[in-house]
Structure formats: C-alpha cells, structure tokens
Amino acid sequence: MQYRNDRAGNPISALGFGCMRFPKKGGSIDLEETRREILRAVELGVNYFDTAYIYPGSEACLGQILAESGLRDRVKIATKLPQYLIRSRESIDRYFAEQLSRLRTDHVDYYLMHMLTDLDAWHKLVSLGIEDWIARKKESGAIGQIGFSFHGNTEMFLKILEAYDWDFCQIQYNYMDEVSQAGRAGLEAAAARGIPVIIMEPLRGGKLVDLLPAGAKQLIAGDPKGRTAAELAFRWLWDQSGVTCVLSGMNSMAMLEENCRIASDALPGHFTPEDHRLITELRALINEKLLVGCTGCGYCMPCPRGVDIPGTFRCYNEMSTEGRGAGRHEYFQVVALRKEAPFASQCVACGKCQSHCPQHLSIIEELKNADRALRPAHYRAAISVARWWLFGRKRKSR
C-alpha cells in the first residue's frame, strides 16, 4: 500500500474504504461479510475509513467492528456533520455525540462538514458558532482534523476553500469530471494551499465500469497493459500528486484485493503519454452520447440572470450517458440546492452566453430542453420542498 501524508504529516493510505455501500444481506448490512472485508483491508494496509451520519447503519456497523476487533487505534475514522440538518448550536453537539456513540469512540480523526454546495451553508454554520465549536473539539482531542465534502462547481469550491483554514477536503473527481465539480482546478488550488484532497466517486458510482459504451469497452480490452476500466480510472487519479486518498465503496473481497493491488504501486507521475492518450480517447467515446456539446469551459459565464449554464448542461448530458435518474440526481445535488437559484427557467434570452461560446452552441434553446428534462413536475416539487427546508425555514427563524 502506498501512503500520502495529511496536513500534520500522518500517513493516509492511498486507497480509502468508502463505507456508504457495505455488503447487504436481506436488505440490511451483512455484518459478518463487512467484518471480513474490513479486517482484510486493514491487513492490506488500508487505514482510512469514510462514513457519514446519513449512511444507513454505516457508523454503527463500523464502530462495532473496530471495537470488537481491537482495531480502532490502527485506523483513521472520517465521518461527517449533517450540516443541512443543523438549526442550532445545540444540534451540532447532539449530532456529534450521537456519532461518537455509534462509532464507539471518544474521537473522530477526520471530521467533515457534509455536502457543502454553497458558501451560504458554511456562513450559516459560522453564525451558529461552528468555528469556536471546532476549536474546542480539536483542543480536547475529540476531533483530529476538520474538512468539508463538496458537490458544486469550481467557482464555489474555491470560495469555500478560502473561507476557513481547512485541514483537508473531499471532492468528486474522476477523468470525466476533470472540468466539472471542483475539477482539476479545484484539486490544484487545494494542493497549492497544502490541503490534502480525498477523492470520492472515482468511478462515478461504478458507471465508468458498468455503463461504458461499446467502443470504450473495446478500447480498454485492447489495452496492451491489460488494465481494466476501474484500474485505468484509479491510476489516472493516483498519477496526480494533489490526490491524497481515493475512496472506494468496496463491497466484495475480490474488489478489495484488486484495488489494494493497484494502490500498491500507483505513484504520482507513473502515467505515460500513451496512458494519457488512452484516457483522452475513452473520454471522447463516452462523450459521443452527449446531448449538448458543452465542454464546461465557462466562457458563457457569468449569466446575468444567475443560470448555471455549464452545470445544467453537464447534468443534462449525464441523463444520456448514465441514465435519467443519475442526471437528475446530480442536478438536484449540485445545482438545485444553492441558495441563489441557478435554474434555466430564469433565462431571458439576452444572448450574451451564445456570443461568447467557442462551440457556437444554441444555448438559449438547449437550456429550455435541459430544463424540461431535468425538472419534470415531480422533481420541481421535490426541489421546492428541499429548498424550503434549507433556506425558507432559516429565513423565518431570523
């Protein structure tokens, strides 16, 4: 196993164990199979385990296994404050105490503000005294290092990155998200500040393996080095020195063994020019199914009406490449839950975006198509309820 250091110089395994999708049996977590895999992961050198308050049964399962096996002091636990549920300083304490109880521990090594999509979410926590709370928990040893997990665009990631002296961060990143989400620009900005980056969704929830088009599968089958789709995606990440740890939701022993094998020799800079060309070709084959030829360059931004044009098109394209549900889920999570509404319906057809588009896209018309596809009636209703929960209730409480 390769290791890369956190901000304090502590070694973190290049491969982290994502605990959102533990093996299931009869609809519940299979405790014994999960135990077997966690014990083997530790034996193979994995020391970073990532869970969250809202992962059903995950914290309690991880806590039980680590306590009963005596492994707590050999691993690092990362879990997350459900900031979207927080309404008071007292609730921060309540959630954290519940997490310690579930995890059967007196401290969390890496604690994240979960799923920040907007700077306003952090400002809300600041208004509730989160900075003082963090300082006290770190001083007492209840929290080792503090970070945040992020879903959103690069611009917002950079703002959140600068809003606090973070110890680490966690981003969605893979070879298809190089210019979306936090993207390579966000990864490199964090690295420039000395902030370790934990990678989630390295395979887009398995879609970069299971939903590849036929041409991409044929290209991988012809790889002279015999690498699988998953191995190529992992190695592309570990080739980058700014990547500290890559999370994988390993729910089979075979997957665990294979990922640990890859992580044992995937050093920064090991990718060859031929390897990079292969990834470029893979990306092009996947993008052949795109509904809109948007490259995410951002020349169309900022929109005078606040529409997130690249974000909308990326999620619209994902409906074609990864399924309608996947695209809508991504839109809900990354675009719809910002305080300042970024919806395509706000477009007034001023034409500014189209005049700046290097691809000469019919942005105004395509935004209408994307909005109809991404926000059918039932999704609009769900988005309205979620936005009321996040923003409307807070305004009324002032």
Protein backbone atom coordinates (compact mmCIF):
# COMPACT_ATOMS: atom_id res chain seq x y z
CA MET A 1 0.00 0.00 0.00
CA GLN A 2 1.20 3.49 -0.86
CA TYR A 3 0.70 6.29 1.65
CA ARG A 4 0.38 10.04 1.27
CA ASN A 5 0.55 12.43 4.20
CA ASP A 6 -2.16 14.58 5.72
CA ARG A 7 -1.51 18.16 6.77
CA ALA A 8 0.04 17.08 10.07
CA GLY A 9 2.37 14.59 8.38
CA ASN A 10 0.37 11.50 9.29
CA PRO A 11 0.29 8.78 6.61
CA ILE A 12 -3.03 8.12 4.89
CA SER A 13 -3.43 5.06 2.71
CA ALA A 14 -3.75 5.96 -0.97
CA LEU A 15 -6.86 3.78 -1.02
CA GLY A 16 -9.62 4.59 1.45
CA PHE A 17 -12.56 2.38 2.39
CA GLY A 18 -15.84 4.10 1.48
CA CYS A 19 -18.44 2.88 3.96
CA MET A 20 -21.65 4.01 2.25
CA ARG A 21 -22.26 0.72 0.47
CA PHE A 22 -21.38 -2.10 2.85
CA PRO A 23 -22.39 -5.61 1.65
CA LYS A 24 -26.08 -6.33 2.18
CA LYS A 25 -27.98 -9.44 3.19
CA GLY A 26 -31.75 -9.49 3.36
CA GLY A 27 -31.89 -5.73 2.88
CA SER A 28 -29.60 -4.97 5.84
CA ILE A 29 -25.86 -4.67 6.24
CA ASP A 30 -24.21 -8.08 6.28
CA LEU A 31 -22.20 -7.63 9.47
CA GLU A 32 -20.03 -10.72 9.13
CA GLU A 33 -19.10 -10.14 5.50
CA THR A 34 -18.39 -6.48 6.25
CA ARG A 35 -16.23 -7.54 9.20
CA ARG A 36 -14.29 -9.92 6.99
CA GLU A 37 -13.62 -7.22 4.41
CA ILE A 38 -12.66 -4.54 6.93
CA LEU A 39 -10.22 -6.87 8.69
CA ARG A 40 -8.67 -7.80 5.35
CA ALA A 41 -8.48 -4.15 4.29
CA VAL A 42 -6.55 -3.27 7.44
CA GLU A 43 -4.29 -6.27 6.88
CA LEU A 44 -3.54 -4.97 3.38
CA GLY A 45 -2.69 -1.51 4.70
CA VAL A 46 -5.91 0.49 4.34
CA ASN A 47 -6.13 2.91 7.27
CA TYR A 48 -8.75 5.48 6.17
CA PHE A 49 -12.44 4.64 6.63
CA ASP A 50 -15.05 7.13 5.45
CA THR A 51 -18.62 7.13 6.72
CA ALA A 52 -21.34 9.70 7.45
CA TYR A 53 -24.29 10.33 9.74
CA ILE A 54 -26.83 9.70 6.99
CA TYR A 55 -25.35 6.45 5.62
CA PRO A 56 -27.92 3.96 6.98
CA GLY A 57 -26.32 1.75 9.64
CA SER A 58 -22.80 2.58 8.49
CA GLU A 59 -21.39 4.40 11.52
CA ALA A 60 -22.78 1.83 13.96
CA CYS A 61 -21.51 -1.09 11.89
CA LEU A 62 -18.03 0.38 11.51
CA GLY A 63 -17.88 1.25 15.20
CA GLN A 64 -18.92 -2.23 16.28
CA ILE A 65 -16.40 -3.98 14.05
CA LEU A 66 -13.48 -1.76 15.03
CA ALA A 67 -14.29 -2.02 18.74
CA GLU A 68 -14.79 -5.80 18.77
CA SER A 69 -11.67 -6.45 16.69
CA GLY A 70 -9.47 -4.05 18.66
CA LEU A 71 -8.55 -2.12 15.52
CA ARG A 72 -9.70 1.38 16.48
CA ASP A 73 -6.19 2.67 17.17
CA ARG A 74 -4.85 1.26 13.90
CA VAL A 75 -7.20 3.17 11.62
CA LYS A 76 -8.46 6.68 10.94
CA ILE A 77 -12.19 7.33 11.02
CA ALA A 78 -13.67 10.06 8.84
CA THR A 79 -17.30 10.98 9.33
CA LYS A 80 -19.46 13.98 8.59
CA LEU A 81 -21.67 16.54 10.29
CA PRO A 82 -25.06 16.68 8.50
CA GLN A 83 -24.88 20.47 8.20
CA TYR A 84 -28.12 20.55 6.17
CA LEU A 85 -29.98 19.35 9.30
CA ILE A 86 -28.40 21.86 11.67
CA ARG A 87 -30.59 24.62 13.09
CA SER A 88 -28.81 25.48 16.36
CA ARG A 89 -25.52 25.22 18.23
CA GLU A 90 -27.12 22.59 20.45
CA SER A 91 -27.94 20.40 17.48
CA ILE A 92 -24.27 20.35 16.45
CA ASP A 93 -23.40 18.90 19.86
CA ARG A 94 -26.29 16.46 19.70
CA TYR A 95 -25.36 15.03 16.31
CA PHE A 96 -21.68 14.77 17.19
CA ALA A 97 -22.41 12.98 20.49
CA GLU A 98 -24.66 10.53 18.64
CA GLN A 99 -21.92 9.85 16.11
CA LEU A 100 -19.33 9.15 18.83
CA SER A 101 -21.80 6.73 20.42
CA ARG A 102 -22.46 4.95 17.13
CA LEU A 103 -18.75 4.72 16.37
CA ARG A 104 -17.92 3.53 19.92
CA THR A 105 -15.07 6.00 20.19
CA ASP A 106 -14.15 9.19 22.02
CA HIS A 107 -12.73 10.95 18.98
CA VAL A 108 -13.07 11.32 15.22
CA ASP A 109 -9.80 11.60 13.31
CA TYR A 110 -11.21 13.47 10.31
CA TYR A 111 -14.48 15.37 10.61
CA LEU A 112 -16.18 16.92 7.61
CA MET A 113 -18.94 19.44 7.01
CA HIS A 114 -21.03 17.17 4.80
CA MET A 115 -22.02 18.16 1.27
CA LEU A 116 -21.33 21.87 1.12
CA THR A 117 -22.76 23.07 -2.19
CA ASP A 118 -22.95 26.77 -1.41
CA LEU A 119 -20.88 29.20 0.62
CA ASP A 120 -24.07 30.20 2.42
CA ALA A 121 -24.20 26.77 4.07
CA TRP A 122 -20.85 27.47 5.71
CA HIS A 123 -21.90 31.01 6.67
CA LYS A 124 -24.96 29.53 8.39
CA LEU A 125 -22.72 27.29 10.50
CA VAL A 126 -20.41 30.22 11.28
CA SER A 127 -23.41 32.20 12.55
CA LEU A 128 -24.14 29.30 14.92
CA GLY A 129 -20.61 29.34 16.33
CA ILE A 130 -19.09 26.44 14.44
CA GLU A 131 -15.59 27.94 14.40
CA ASP A 132 -15.45 28.12 18.19
CA TRP A 133 -17.01 24.66 18.40
CA ILE A 134 -14.32 23.22 16.11
CA ALA A 135 -11.55 24.89 18.09
CA ARG A 136 -12.85 23.43 21.34
CA LYS A 137 -13.24 19.92 19.91
CA LYS A 138 -9.77 19.98 18.40
CA GLU A 139 -8.27 21.27 21.65
CA SER A 140 -9.95 18.47 23.62
CA GLY A 141 -8.85 15.85 21.10
CA ALA A 142 -12.42 14.90 20.17
CA ILE A 143 -11.66 15.93 16.59
CA GLY A 144 -8.30 15.49 14.91
CA GLN A 145 -8.66 17.40 11.65
CA ILE A 146 -11.50 19.36 10.09
CA GLY A 147 -12.59 19.43 6.48
CA PHE A 148 -15.56 19.54 4.14
CA SER A 149 -17.04 17.42 1.38
CA PHE A 150 -18.18 19.25 -1.72
CA HIS A 151 -20.64 18.98 -4.57
CA GLY A 152 -20.91 22.03 -6.81
CA ASN A 153 -18.92 23.98 -9.36
CA THR A 154 -15.29 25.06 -9.33
CA GLU A 155 -16.04 28.69 -8.55
CA MET A 156 -17.99 27.83 -5.41
CA PHE A 157 -15.38 25.28 -4.33
CA LEU A 158 -12.66 27.94 -4.45
CA LYS A 159 -14.78 30.28 -2.33
CA ILE A 160 -15.38 27.63 0.32
CA LEU A 161 -11.72 26.64 0.23
CA GLU A 162 -10.75 30.20 1.12
CA ALA A 163 -13.45 30.69 3.76
CA TYR A 164 -11.66 28.79 6.55
CA ASP A 165 -8.32 27.26 7.43
CA TRP A 166 -9.30 23.72 6.42
CA ASP A 167 -7.14 20.71 7.22
CA PHE A 168 -8.44 18.69 4.25
CA CYS A 169 -11.32 18.45 1.78
CA GLN A 170 -13.23 15.81 -0.15
CA ILE A 171 -14.35 16.19 -3.76
CA GLN A 172 -15.99 14.19 -6.53
CA TYR A 173 -13.27 13.73 -9.13
CA ASN A 174 -12.57 11.34 -11.98
CA TYR A 175 -11.48 11.57 -15.59
CA MET A 176 -14.99 12.61 -16.66
CA ASP A 177 -15.19 15.37 -14.00
CA GLU A 178 -11.87 17.00 -14.83
CA VAL A 179 -13.53 20.32 -15.72
CA SER A 180 -16.71 19.99 -13.64
CA GLN A 181 -17.48 19.83 -9.92
CA ALA A 182 -14.32 21.08 -8.12
CA GLY A 183 -12.35 19.76 -11.09
CA ARG A 184 -8.63 19.74 -11.67
CA ALA A 185 -8.55 23.49 -10.99
CA GLY A 186 -10.00 22.89 -7.51
CA LEU A 187 -7.67 19.97 -6.82
CA GLU A 188 -4.63 22.02 -7.73
CA ALA A 189 -5.84 25.04 -5.76
CA ALA A 190 -6.16 22.87 -2.65
CA ALA A 191 -2.73 21.35 -3.24
CA ALA A 192 -1.22 24.82 -3.61
CA ARG A 193 -2.56 25.65 -0.14
CA GLY A 194 -1.15 22.42 1.29
CA ILE A 195 -4.62 20.97 1.80
CA PRO A 196 -4.91 17.20 1.28
CA VAL A 197 -7.70 16.09 -1.05
CA ILE A 198 -9.80 12.96 -0.55
CA ILE A 199 -11.45 11.70 -3.74
CA MET A 200 -14.99 10.32 -3.85
CA GLU A 201 -16.82 8.84 -6.85
CA PRO A 202 -13.62 7.81 -8.68
CA LEU A 203 -15.76 5.55 -10.88
CA ARG A 204 -18.90 7.70 -10.85
CA GLY A 205 -20.68 5.13 -8.70
CA GLY A 206 -19.42 2.32 -10.95
CA LYS A 207 -20.69 3.95 -14.14
CA LEU A 208 -17.17 4.28 -15.55
CA VAL A 209 -17.10 0.49 -15.46
CA ASP A 210 -20.67 -0.76 -15.92
CA LEU A 211 -22.15 1.85 -18.29
CA LEU A 212 -19.30 2.37 -20.72
CA PRO A 213 -20.33 2.43 -24.41
CA ALA A 214 -19.27 -0.50 -26.56
CA GLY A 215 -16.47 1.46 -28.23
CA ALA A 216 -14.94 2.35 -24.89
CA LYS A 217 -15.10 -1.27 -23.73
CA GLN A 218 -13.35 -2.38 -26.91
CA LEU A 219 -10.65 0.24 -26.42
CA ILE A 220 -9.98 -0.98 -22.88
CA ALA A 221 -9.98 -4.61 -24.00
CA GLY A 222 -7.16 -3.72 -26.37
CA ASP A 223 -5.01 -2.05 -23.70
CA PRO A 224 -1.53 -3.60 -24.14
CA LYS A 225 -1.00 -3.43 -20.36
CA GLY A 226 -4.14 -5.44 -19.68
CA ARG A 227 -5.73 -2.92 -17.34
CA THR A 228 -9.42 -2.94 -16.51
CA ALA A 229 -11.73 0.09 -16.75
CA ALA A 230 -11.54 0.51 -12.96
CA GLU A 231 -7.76 0.24 -12.89
CA LEU A 232 -7.36 2.92 -15.55
CA ALA A 233 -9.66 5.28 -13.66
CA PHE A 234 -7.82 4.71 -10.37
CA ARG A 235 -4.37 5.05 -11.91
CA TRP A 236 -5.39 8.31 -13.62
CA LEU A 237 -6.19 9.69 -10.17
CA TRP A 238 -3.13 8.38 -8.34
CA ASP A 239 -0.92 9.79 -11.09
CA GLN A 240 -1.74 13.26 -9.70
CA SER A 241 0.32 14.37 -6.73
CA GLY A 242 -2.54 16.51 -5.39
CA VAL A 243 -4.64 13.40 -4.77
CA THR A 244 -4.13 12.18 -1.20
CA CYS A 245 -6.60 9.30 -0.90
CA VAL A 246 -9.11 7.70 -3.26
CA LEU A 247 -12.25 6.28 -1.68
CA SER A 248 -13.79 3.09 -2.99
CA GLY A 249 -17.03 1.52 -1.80
CA MET A 250 -15.62 -2.00 -1.84
CA ASN A 251 -18.42 -4.47 -1.23
CA SER A 252 -16.70 -7.67 -2.28
CA MET A 253 -13.43 -9.31 -1.31
CA ALA A 254 -12.37 -9.54 -4.96
CA MET A 255 -12.83 -5.80 -5.42
CA LEU A 256 -10.89 -5.08 -2.24
CA GLU A 257 -7.97 -7.28 -3.24
CA GLU A 258 -7.82 -5.79 -6.73
CA ASN A 259 -7.97 -2.19 -5.56
CA CYS A 260 -5.27 -2.76 -2.96
CA ARG A 261 -3.07 -4.33 -5.63
CA ILE A 262 -3.43 -1.26 -7.84
CA ALA A 263 -2.82 1.10 -4.92
CA SER A 264 0.43 -0.67 -4.06
CA ASP A 265 2.38 0.76 -7.00
CA ALA A 266 0.36 3.69 -8.38
CA LEU A 267 2.79 6.55 -7.75
CA PRO A 268 2.42 10.18 -8.85
CA GLY A 269 3.78 10.67 -12.36
CA HIS A 270 3.61 6.98 -13.32
CA PHE A 271 1.22 7.57 -16.24
CA THR A 272 2.92 7.61 -19.64
CA PRO A 273 1.96 9.84 -22.62
CA GLU A 274 0.32 6.76 -24.14
CA ASP A 275 -1.74 6.29 -20.99
CA HIS A 276 -2.96 9.88 -21.15
CA ARG A 277 -3.89 9.44 -24.81
CA LEU A 278 -5.89 6.35 -23.88
CA ILE A 279 -7.88 8.30 -21.29
CA THR A 280 -8.47 11.08 -23.83
CA GLU A 281 -9.82 8.55 -26.31
CA LEU A 282 -12.02 6.96 -23.64
CA ARG A 283 -13.44 10.34 -22.69
CA ALA A 284 -14.19 11.13 -26.34
CA LEU A 285 -16.02 7.82 -26.84
CA ILE A 286 -18.13 8.39 -23.73
CA ASN A 287 -18.88 11.94 -24.84
CA GLU A 288 -20.24 10.76 -28.18
CA LYS A 289 -23.56 10.25 -26.40
CA LEU A 290 -23.73 13.86 -25.18
CA LEU A 291 -26.93 15.77 -25.84
CA VAL A 292 -25.14 19.12 -25.89
CA GLY A 293 -21.53 19.59 -26.96
CA CYS A 294 -20.66 21.69 -23.91
CA THR A 295 -17.04 21.33 -22.79
CA GLY A 296 -17.56 23.13 -19.47
CA CYS A 297 -15.11 25.88 -20.45
CA GLY A 298 -17.19 28.55 -18.69
CA TYR A 299 -16.87 31.26 -21.35
CA CYS A 300 -20.66 31.66 -21.20
CA MET A 301 -20.46 32.70 -17.56
CA PRO A 302 -21.43 34.61 -15.54
CA CYS A 303 -25.02 34.63 -16.68
CA PRO A 304 -26.70 37.98 -15.88
CA ARG A 305 -29.69 36.07 -14.52
CA GLY A 306 -27.64 33.61 -12.45
CA VAL A 307 -28.26 30.49 -14.56
CA ASP A 308 -25.60 27.82 -14.11
CA ILE A 309 -25.21 27.04 -17.79
CA PRO A 310 -22.29 24.56 -17.68
CA GLY A 311 -23.72 22.79 -14.63
CA THR A 312 -27.13 22.42 -16.24
CA PHE A 313 -25.68 21.03 -19.47
CA ARG A 314 -23.39 18.63 -17.63
CA CYS A 315 -26.32 17.10 -15.74
CA TYR A 316 -28.42 17.05 -18.92
CA ASN A 317 -25.65 15.17 -20.70
CA GLU A 318 -25.38 12.77 -17.79
CA MET A 319 -29.01 11.80 -18.39
CA SER A 320 -27.83 10.40 -21.73
CA THR A 321 -24.50 8.88 -20.69
CA GLU A 322 -25.50 7.49 -17.29
CA GLY A 323 -29.30 7.42 -17.18
CA ARG A 324 -32.12 9.87 -16.49
CA GLY A 325 -32.12 9.22 -12.77
CA ALA A 326 -28.38 9.79 -12.47
CA GLY A 327 -28.55 13.11 -14.30
CA ARG A 328 -31.49 14.36 -12.28
CA HIS A 329 -29.90 13.27 -9.01
CA GLU A 330 -26.71 15.11 -9.91
CA TYR A 331 -28.70 18.22 -10.83
CA PHE A 332 -30.65 18.08 -7.58
CA GLN A 333 -27.48 17.74 -5.52
CA VAL A 334 -25.09 20.03 -7.38
CA VAL A 335 -27.22 22.75 -8.97
CA ALA A 336 -30.66 22.94 -7.38
CA LEU A 337 -29.62 23.22 -3.73
CA ARG A 338 -27.84 26.55 -3.93
CA LYS A 339 -29.29 29.49 -2.08
CA GLU A 340 -29.21 31.75 -5.16
CA ALA A 341 -31.41 29.87 -7.62
CA PRO A 342 -29.46 28.93 -10.78
CA PHE A 343 -32.35 27.48 -12.82
CA ALA A 344 -32.52 27.61 -16.61
CA SER A 345 -36.08 28.95 -16.38
CA GLN A 346 -34.57 32.28 -15.32
CA CYS A 347 -33.06 32.75 -18.79
CA VAL A 348 -34.37 35.88 -20.57
CA ALA A 349 -32.68 35.08 -23.91
CA CYS A 350 -30.33 38.05 -23.75
CA GLY A 351 -27.86 36.15 -25.94
CA LYS A 352 -24.71 37.11 -24.01
CA CYS A 353 -23.79 33.46 -23.44
CA GLN A 354 -24.15 32.48 -27.09
CA SER A 355 -21.95 35.33 -28.25
CA HIS A 356 -19.10 34.02 -26.08
CA CYS A 357 -19.48 30.27 -26.71
CA PRO A 358 -16.43 28.80 -28.50
CA GLN A 359 -18.58 25.81 -29.57
CA HIS A 360 -21.25 28.11 -31.05
CA LEU A 361 -23.96 26.22 -29.21
CA SER A 362 -27.61 27.26 -29.33
CA ILE A 363 -27.50 27.78 -25.58
CA ILE A 364 -30.86 29.51 -25.20
CA GLU A 365 -32.78 26.72 -26.92
CA GLU A 366 -30.75 23.94 -25.32
CA LEU A 367 -31.36 25.39 -21.87
CA LYS A 368 -35.09 25.01 -22.44
CA ASN A 369 -34.62 21.38 -23.46
CA ALA A 370 -32.37 20.70 -20.48
CA ASP A 371 -34.75 22.31 -18.01
CA ARG A 372 -37.71 20.28 -19.27
CA ALA A 373 -35.70 17.07 -18.99
CA LEU A 374 -34.06 17.77 -15.63
CA ARG A 375 -37.07 19.27 -13.85
CA PRO A 376 -40.30 17.41 -14.66
CA ALA A 377 -43.20 18.30 -12.40
CA HIS A 378 -42.42 15.85 -9.60
CA TYR A 379 -38.78 16.95 -9.49
CA ARG A 380 -39.77 20.61 -9.37
CA ALA A 381 -41.95 19.80 -6.38
CA ALA A 382 -39.15 17.90 -4.63
CA ILE A 383 -36.68 20.70 -5.31
CA SER A 384 -39.11 23.28 -3.91
CA VAL A 385 -39.55 21.29 -0.70
CA ALA A 386 -35.79 20.80 -0.31
CA ARG A 387 -35.09 24.48 -0.90
CA TRP A 388 -37.76 25.46 1.62
CA TRP A 389 -36.17 23.13 4.16
CA LEU A 390 -32.70 24.54 3.59
CA PHE A 391 -33.45 28.21 3.05
CA GLY A 392 -37.09 29.10 3.73
CA ARG A 393 -37.20 27.82 7.32
CA LYS A 394 -33.99 29.63 8.13
CA ARG A 395 -35.34 32.95 6.89
CA LYS A 396 -38.44 32.57 9.04
CA SER A 397 -36.35 31.83 12.12
CA ARG A 398 -34.45 35.10 11.94
